[in-house]
């Protein structure tokens, strides 16, 4: 099931929201996952089904963008796992970005 997540950095107060996971009828072709765009240096919601091999993106499900999750909840979408806390912040470049569930779609 898709959900809207909010991201908030504890250090620089960077905020954004994004959709995570496909819906009931489109999950086989549309699976939005947060990704770090290496070109713009921004967090974007990207269709994993189409862009998973694109070298311009690093997905937040990749260990490279994850810090210590401190035993917290993991947002799981099939085999993709997203940490709740201590993710890479695109603004201040620290592992201080936290994700919170905001709404189910």
C-alpha atoms as a PDB file:
ATOM      1  CA  UNK A   1       0.000   0.000   0.000  1.00  0.00           C
ATOM      2  CA  UNK A   2       1.264   3.454  -0.856  1.00  0.00           C
ATOM      3  CA  UNK A   3       1.770   6.082   1.773  1.00  0.00           C
ATOM      4  CA  UNK A   4       2.836   9.691   2.026  1.00  0.00           C
ATOM      5  CA  UNK A   5       5.913  10.169   4.178  1.00  0.00           C
ATOM      6  CA  UNK A   6       7.249  13.427   5.588  1.00  0.00           C
ATOM      7  CA  UNK A   7      10.981  14.000   5.866  1.00  0.00           C
ATOM      8  CA  UNK A   8      12.457  16.336   8.455  1.00  0.00           C
ATOM      9  CA  UNK A   9      16.094  17.041   9.289  1.00  0.00           C
ATOM     10  CA  UNK A  10      16.846  17.442  12.987  1.00  0.00           C
ATOM     11  CA  UNK A  11      19.869  19.665  12.272  1.00  0.00           C
ATOM     12  CA  UNK A  12      18.964  22.067   9.443  1.00  0.00           C
ATOM     13  CA  UNK A  13      15.126  21.746   9.503  1.00  0.00           C
ATOM     14  CA  UNK A  14      14.971  20.644   5.849  1.00  0.00           C
ATOM     15  CA  UNK A  15      11.430  19.386   5.141  1.00  0.00           C
ATOM     16  CA  UNK A  16       9.714  17.652   2.278  1.00  0.00           C
ATOM     17  CA  UNK A  17       7.077  14.998   1.680  1.00  0.00           C
ATOM     18  CA  UNK A  18       6.899  12.211  -0.866  1.00  0.00           C
ATOM     19  CA  UNK A  19       4.924   9.154  -1.891  1.00  0.00           C
ATOM     20  CA  UNK A  20       6.394   5.748  -1.075  1.00  0.00           C
ATOM     21  CA  UNK A  21       5.103   2.607  -2.767  1.00  0.00           C
ATOM     22  CA  UNK A  22       2.599   1.916  -5.494  1.00  0.00           C
ATOM     23  CA  UNK A  23      -1.134   1.859  -5.142  1.00  0.00           C
ATOM     24  CA  UNK A  24      -3.423  -1.132  -5.237  1.00  0.00           C
ATOM     25  CA  UNK A  25      -3.984  -0.922  -8.982  1.00  0.00           C
ATOM     26  CA  UNK A  26      -0.647   0.396 -10.281  1.00  0.00           C
ATOM     27  CA  UNK A  27       2.059  -1.109  -8.046  1.00  0.00           C
ATOM     28  CA  UNK A  28       3.377  -3.370 -10.834  1.00  0.00           C
ATOM     29  CA  UNK A  29       4.311  -0.393 -13.034  1.00  0.00           C
ATOM     30  CA  UNK A  30       4.515   2.559 -10.629  1.00  0.00           C
ATOM     31  CA  UNK A  31       6.532   2.290  -7.434  1.00  0.00           C
ATOM     32  CA  UNK A  32       7.675   5.699  -6.149  1.00  0.00           C
ATOM     33  CA  UNK A  33      10.661   5.571  -3.816  1.00  0.00           C
ATOM     34  CA  UNK A  34      12.652   8.504  -2.376  1.00  0.00           C
ATOM     35  CA  UNK A  35      15.977   9.016  -4.112  1.00  0.00           C
ATOM     36  CA  UNK A  36      18.895  11.412  -3.939  1.00  0.00           C
ATOM     37  CA  UNK A  37      19.409  13.051  -7.331  1.00  0.00           C
ATOM     38  CA  UNK A  38      23.177  13.407  -7.795  1.00  0.00           C
ATOM     39  CA  UNK A  39      22.715  16.229 -10.322  1.00  0.00           C
ATOM     40  CA  UNK A  40      20.338  18.502  -8.386  1.00  0.00           C
ATOM     41  CA  UNK A  41      21.400  17.215  -4.932  1.00  0.00           C
ATOM     42  CA  UNK A  42      17.725  17.026  -3.928  1.00  0.00           C
ATOM     43  CA  UNK A  43      15.460  14.319  -2.544  1.00  0.00           C
ATOM     44  CA  UNK A  44      12.930  13.256  -5.176  1.00  0.00           C
ATOM     45  CA  UNK A  45      10.196  10.652  -5.383  1.00  0.00           C
ATOM     46  CA  UNK A  46      11.233   8.484  -8.340  1.00  0.00           C
ATOM     47  CA  UNK A  47       9.530   5.515 -10.008  1.00  0.00           C
ATOM     48  CA  UNK A  48      11.803   2.666  -8.926  1.00  0.00           C
ATOM     49  CA  UNK A  49      10.421   0.372 -11.636  1.00  0.00           C
ATOM     50  CA  UNK A  50      11.774   2.695 -14.360  1.00  0.00           C
ATOM     51  CA  UNK A  51      14.840   4.250 -12.732  1.00  0.00           C
ATOM     52  CA  UNK A  52      16.376   1.524 -10.536  1.00  0.00           C
ATOM     53  CA  UNK A  53      19.451   1.263 -12.794  1.00  0.00           C
ATOM     54  CA  UNK A  54      19.817   5.009 -13.448  1.00  0.00           C
ATOM     55  CA  UNK A  55      23.272   6.099 -12.170  1.00  0.00           C
ATOM     56  CA  UNK A  56      21.962   9.635 -11.478  1.00  0.00           C
ATOM     57  CA  UNK A  57      19.923   8.399  -8.503  1.00  0.00           C
ATOM     58  CA  UNK A  58      20.805   6.823  -5.180  1.00  0.00           C
ATOM     59  CA  UNK A  59      17.679   5.430  -3.550  1.00  0.00           C
ATOM     60  CA  UNK A  60      17.108   5.913   0.163  1.00  0.00           C
ATOM     61  CA  UNK A  61      16.636   2.138   0.356  1.00  0.00           C
ATOM     62  CA  UNK A  62      20.376   1.850  -0.439  1.00  0.00           C
ATOM     63  CA  UNK A  63      22.709   1.390   2.543  1.00  0.00           C
ATOM     64  CA  UNK A  64      24.793   4.335   1.294  1.00  0.00           C
ATOM     65  CA  UNK A  65      22.105   6.823   2.427  1.00  0.00           C
ATOM     66  CA  UNK A  66      21.216   5.078   5.693  1.00  0.00           C
ATOM     67  CA  UNK A  67      22.670   5.810   9.110  1.00  0.00           C
ATOM     68  CA  UNK A  68      21.992   3.889  12.322  1.00  0.00           C
ATOM     69  CA  UNK A  69      18.245   3.215  12.487  1.00  0.00           C
ATOM     70  CA  UNK A  70      18.515   2.738  16.279  1.00  0.00           C
ATOM     71  CA  UNK A  71      16.145  -0.244  16.195  1.00  0.00           C
ATOM     72  CA  UNK A  72      13.283   1.936  14.944  1.00  0.00           C
ATOM     73  CA  UNK A  73      10.506   1.012  12.540  1.00  0.00           C
ATOM     74  CA  UNK A  74      11.392   0.247   8.908  1.00  0.00           C
ATOM     75  CA  UNK A  75       9.072   1.277   6.077  1.00  0.00           C
ATOM     76  CA  UNK A  76       8.952  -1.788   3.828  1.00  0.00           C
ATOM     77  CA  UNK A  77       7.675  -1.968   0.261  1.00  0.00           C
ATOM     78  CA  UNK A  78       8.143  -5.524  -1.012  1.00  0.00           C
ATOM     79  CA  UNK A  79      11.946  -6.025  -0.798  1.00  0.00           C
ATOM     80  CA  UNK A  80      12.734  -2.297  -0.428  1.00  0.00           C
ATOM     81  CA  UNK A  81      13.401  -1.101   3.124  1.00  0.00           C
ATOM     82  CA  UNK A  82      13.515   2.516   4.240  1.00  0.00           C
ATOM     83  CA  UNK A  83      14.916   3.503   7.640  1.00  0.00           C
ATOM     84  CA  UNK A  84      12.817   5.729   9.872  1.00  0.00           C
ATOM     85  CA  UNK A  85      15.694   7.766  11.331  1.00  0.00           C
ATOM     86  CA  UNK A  86      19.221   8.979  10.551  1.00  0.00           C
ATOM     87  CA  UNK A  87      19.010   9.102   6.769  1.00  0.00           C
ATOM     88  CA  UNK A  88      21.220  11.346   4.617  1.00  0.00           C
ATOM     89  CA  UNK A  89      20.021  14.961   4.448  1.00  0.00           C
ATOM     90  CA  UNK A  90      20.535  16.506   0.990  1.00  0.00           C
ATOM     91  CA  UNK A  91      20.741  20.003   2.458  1.00  0.00           C
ATOM     92  CA  UNK A  92      23.200  19.782   5.385  1.00  0.00           C
ATOM     93  CA  UNK A  93      24.859  16.495   4.277  1.00  0.00           C
ATOM     94  CA  UNK A  94      24.453  14.858   7.716  1.00  0.00           C
ATOM     95  CA  UNK A  95      22.715  11.587   8.587  1.00  0.00           C
ATOM     96  CA  UNK A  96      19.936  13.404  10.433  1.00  0.00           C
ATOM     97  CA  UNK A  97      16.891  13.079   8.153  1.00  0.00           C
ATOM     98  CA  UNK A  98      13.904  11.292   9.703  1.00  0.00           C
ATOM     99  CA  UNK A  99      10.888   9.890   7.856  1.00  0.00           C
ATOM    100  CA  UNK A 100       7.392   9.784   9.367  1.00  0.00           C
ATOM    101  CA  UNK A 101       4.219   8.277   7.965  1.00  0.00           C
ATOM    102  CA  UNK A 102       1.716  11.003   7.171  1.00  0.00           C
ATOM    103  CA  UNK A 103      -1.076   9.379   5.159  1.00  0.00           C
ATOM    104  CA  UNK A 104      -1.990   6.121   3.428  1.00  0.00           C
ATOM    105  CA  UNK A 105      -3.072   6.372  -0.216  1.00  0.00           C
END
